[in-house]
Amino acid sequence: TWHGHVTAVTVAPYFRRQGLAKALMDILESVSEKIHNAYYVDLFVRSSNPVAIGMYRKLGYDIYQIVDK
């Protein structure tokens, strides 16, 4: 099954809290679904990054698996 995958989303500190990461994720989801007929989007985020985890949860993402090391 085709799917979208996020390797990294990084926003420079000066530009944070402006909705840029959400906009990038919205574009990725749209392209994945509408152009590539993807079934889902997955991503990896460090468990030590609660800000990113919170953002992805607000966007509707859930923890599917935890990878050690």
N, C-alpha and C. Protein backbone atom coordinates (compact mmCIF):
# COMPACT_ATOMS: atom_id res chain seq x y z
N THR A 1 0.84 -1.18 0.00
CA THR A 1 0.00 0.00 0.00
C THR A 1 0.89 1.24 0.00
N TRP A 2 0.63 2.16 -0.92
CA TRP A 2 1.37 3.41 -0.95
C TRP A 2 1.02 4.26 0.25
N HIS A 3 2.02 4.96 0.75
CA HIS A 3 1.77 5.86 1.87
C HIS A 3 2.76 7.01 1.81
N GLY A 4 2.39 8.11 2.46
CA GLY A 4 3.30 9.23 2.62
C GLY A 4 4.16 9.01 3.84
N HIS A 5 5.37 9.55 3.80
CA HIS A 5 6.26 9.40 4.95
C HIS A 5 6.98 10.71 5.21
N VAL A 6 6.98 11.13 6.47
CA VAL A 6 7.69 12.34 6.89
C VAL A 6 9.01 11.90 7.50
N THR A 7 10.10 12.38 6.91
CA THR A 7 11.41 12.09 7.47
C THR A 7 11.75 13.13 8.53
N ALA A 8 11.51 14.40 8.23
CA ALA A 8 11.78 15.45 9.21
C ALA A 8 11.01 16.71 8.84
N VAL A 9 10.51 17.38 9.84
CA VAL A 9 9.92 18.71 9.67
C VAL A 9 10.68 19.61 10.63
N THR A 10 11.37 20.58 10.08
CA THR A 10 12.16 21.49 10.90
C THR A 10 11.81 22.92 10.52
N VAL A 11 11.49 23.72 11.51
CA VAL A 11 11.19 25.13 11.30
C VAL A 11 12.18 25.93 12.15
N ALA A 12 12.82 26.90 11.54
CA ALA A 12 13.77 27.75 12.27
C ALA A 12 13.08 28.42 13.45
N PRO A 13 13.79 28.57 14.55
CA PRO A 13 13.18 29.15 15.76
C PRO A 13 12.44 30.46 15.52
N TYR A 14 12.97 31.33 14.70
CA TYR A 14 12.34 32.63 14.44
C TYR A 14 10.96 32.49 13.80
N PHE A 15 10.74 31.41 13.06
CA PHE A 15 9.49 31.23 12.32
C PHE A 15 8.52 30.26 12.97
N ARG A 16 8.84 29.80 14.16
CA ARG A 16 7.96 28.83 14.84
C ARG A 16 6.70 29.51 15.35
N ARG A 17 5.69 28.66 15.60
CA ARG A 17 4.39 29.08 16.14
C ARG A 17 3.63 29.99 15.16
N GLN A 18 3.86 29.76 13.88
CA GLN A 18 3.14 30.50 12.84
C GLN A 18 2.31 29.56 11.96
N GLY A 19 2.29 28.29 12.31
CA GLY A 19 1.50 27.33 11.55
C GLY A 19 2.22 26.75 10.34
N LEU A 20 3.53 26.97 10.23
CA LEU A 20 4.26 26.47 9.06
C LEU A 20 4.34 24.95 9.03
N ALA A 21 4.61 24.33 10.16
CA ALA A 21 4.69 22.87 10.20
C ALA A 21 3.34 22.25 9.85
N LYS A 22 2.26 22.83 10.34
CA LYS A 22 0.92 22.34 10.00
C LYS A 22 0.66 22.50 8.51
N ALA A 23 1.05 23.63 7.95
CA ALA A 23 0.85 23.85 6.52
C ALA A 23 1.62 22.83 5.69
N LEU A 24 2.86 22.55 6.10
CA LEU A 24 3.65 21.54 5.39
C LEU A 24 3.01 20.16 5.49
N MET A 25 2.52 19.81 6.66
CA MET A 25 1.85 18.52 6.84
C MET A 25 0.56 18.44 6.03
N ASP A 26 -0.18 19.54 5.98
CA ASP A 26 -1.41 19.56 5.18
C ASP A 26 -1.11 19.32 3.71
N ILE A 27 -0.04 19.94 3.21
CA ILE A 27 0.35 19.75 1.81
C ILE A 27 0.76 18.30 1.56
N LEU A 28 1.59 17.76 2.46
CA LEU A 28 2.03 16.37 2.30
C LEU A 28 0.84 15.42 2.29
N GLU A 29 -0.10 15.61 3.22
CA GLU A 29 -1.27 14.74 3.27
C GLU A 29 -2.09 14.86 2.00
N SER A 30 -2.27 16.07 1.52
CA SER A 30 -3.05 16.29 0.30
C SER A 30 -2.40 15.63 -0.91
N VAL A 31 -1.11 15.85 -1.08
CA VAL A 31 -0.40 15.26 -2.21
C VAL A 31 -0.41 13.73 -2.11
N SER A 32 -0.18 13.22 -0.91
CA SER A 32 -0.16 11.77 -0.71
C SER A 32 -1.50 11.14 -1.10
N GLU A 33 -2.57 11.78 -0.68
CA GLU A 33 -3.89 11.23 -0.95
C GLU A 33 -4.36 11.47 -2.38
N LYS A 34 -4.30 12.73 -2.83
CA LYS A 34 -4.91 13.08 -4.11
C LYS A 34 -4.07 12.71 -5.33
N ILE A 35 -2.76 12.77 -5.21
CA ILE A 35 -1.91 12.48 -6.36
C ILE A 35 -1.44 11.03 -6.35
N HIS A 36 -1.11 10.52 -5.18
CA HIS A 36 -0.54 9.17 -5.10
C HIS A 36 -1.50 8.13 -4.54
N ASN A 37 -2.72 8.54 -4.22
CA ASN A 37 -3.74 7.63 -3.70
C ASN A 37 -3.23 6.86 -2.48
N ALA A 38 -2.49 7.54 -1.63
CA ALA A 38 -1.92 6.91 -0.45
C ALA A 38 -3.00 6.63 0.58
N TYR A 39 -2.79 5.57 1.32
CA TYR A 39 -3.74 5.15 2.33
C TYR A 39 -3.51 5.85 3.66
N TYR A 40 -2.26 6.21 3.94
CA TYR A 40 -1.93 6.86 5.21
C TYR A 40 -0.61 7.61 5.10
N VAL A 41 -0.30 8.36 6.13
CA VAL A 41 0.99 9.06 6.26
C VAL A 41 1.59 8.61 7.57
N ASP A 42 2.88 8.25 7.52
CA ASP A 42 3.55 7.89 8.77
C ASP A 42 4.76 8.77 8.99
N LEU A 43 5.26 8.74 10.21
CA LEU A 43 6.41 9.57 10.56
C LEU A 43 7.06 9.00 11.80
N PHE A 44 8.30 9.41 11.99
CA PHE A 44 9.02 9.07 13.21
C PHE A 44 9.30 10.37 13.96
N VAL A 45 9.16 10.32 15.27
CA VAL A 45 9.48 11.47 16.12
C VAL A 45 10.12 10.93 17.39
N ARG A 46 11.13 11.62 17.84
CA ARG A 46 11.81 11.18 19.06
C ARG A 46 10.89 11.32 20.26
N SER A 47 10.92 10.31 21.12
CA SER A 47 10.08 10.35 22.32
C SER A 47 10.52 11.47 23.26
N SER A 48 11.72 11.99 23.05
CA SER A 48 12.24 13.09 23.88
C SER A 48 11.83 14.46 23.35
N ASN A 49 10.92 14.49 22.37
CA ASN A 49 10.47 15.75 21.78
C ASN A 49 8.97 15.94 22.02
N PRO A 50 8.59 16.33 23.24
CA PRO A 50 7.16 16.45 23.55
C PRO A 50 6.44 17.54 22.75
N VAL A 51 7.15 18.56 22.33
CA VAL A 51 6.52 19.62 21.53
C VAL A 51 6.06 19.05 20.19
N ALA A 52 6.93 18.29 19.53
CA ALA A 52 6.57 17.69 18.24
C ALA A 52 5.46 16.66 18.42
N ILE A 53 5.56 15.85 19.46
CA ILE A 53 4.52 14.84 19.72
C ILE A 53 3.17 15.53 19.91
N GLY A 54 3.15 16.61 20.67
CA GLY A 54 1.91 17.36 20.87
C GLY A 54 1.35 17.93 19.58
N MET A 55 2.24 18.45 18.74
CA MET A 55 1.79 19.01 17.46
C MET A 55 1.18 17.92 16.58
N TYR A 56 1.85 16.78 16.49
CA TYR A 56 1.32 15.70 15.64
C TYR A 56 0.02 15.16 16.20
N ARG A 57 -0.11 15.10 17.50
CA ARG A 57 -1.39 14.66 18.09
C ARG A 57 -2.50 15.63 17.75
N LYS A 58 -2.22 16.94 17.80
CA LYS A 58 -3.22 17.94 17.41
C LYS A 58 -3.63 17.77 15.96
N LEU A 59 -2.71 17.30 15.13
CA LEU A 59 -3.00 17.09 13.71
C LEU A 59 -3.72 15.76 13.47
N GLY A 60 -3.94 14.98 14.54
CA GLY A 60 -4.70 13.75 14.40
C GLY A 60 -3.87 12.49 14.32
N TYR A 61 -2.56 12.59 14.52
CA TYR A 61 -1.71 11.42 14.47
C TYR A 61 -1.72 10.70 15.81
N ASP A 62 -1.58 9.39 15.77
CA ASP A 62 -1.54 8.55 16.96
C ASP A 62 -0.23 7.77 16.98
N ILE A 63 0.16 7.35 18.17
CA ILE A 63 1.33 6.49 18.29
C ILE A 63 0.93 5.08 17.87
N TYR A 64 1.61 4.60 16.86
CA TYR A 64 1.34 3.25 16.36
C TYR A 64 2.36 2.26 16.92
N GLN A 65 3.61 2.71 17.01
CA GLN A 65 4.68 1.83 17.46
C GLN A 65 5.79 2.65 18.08
N ILE A 66 6.43 2.13 19.10
CA ILE A 66 7.60 2.76 19.70
C ILE A 66 8.81 1.92 19.38
N VAL A 67 9.82 2.56 18.81
CA VAL A 67 11.05 1.86 18.42
C VAL A 67 12.13 2.22 19.42
N ASP A 68 12.71 1.24 20.06
CA ASP A 68 13.81 1.48 20.99
C ASP A 68 15.12 1.57 20.21
N LYS A 69 15.93 2.52 20.60
CA LYS A 69 17.24 2.75 20.01
C LYS A 69 17.09 3.05 18.55
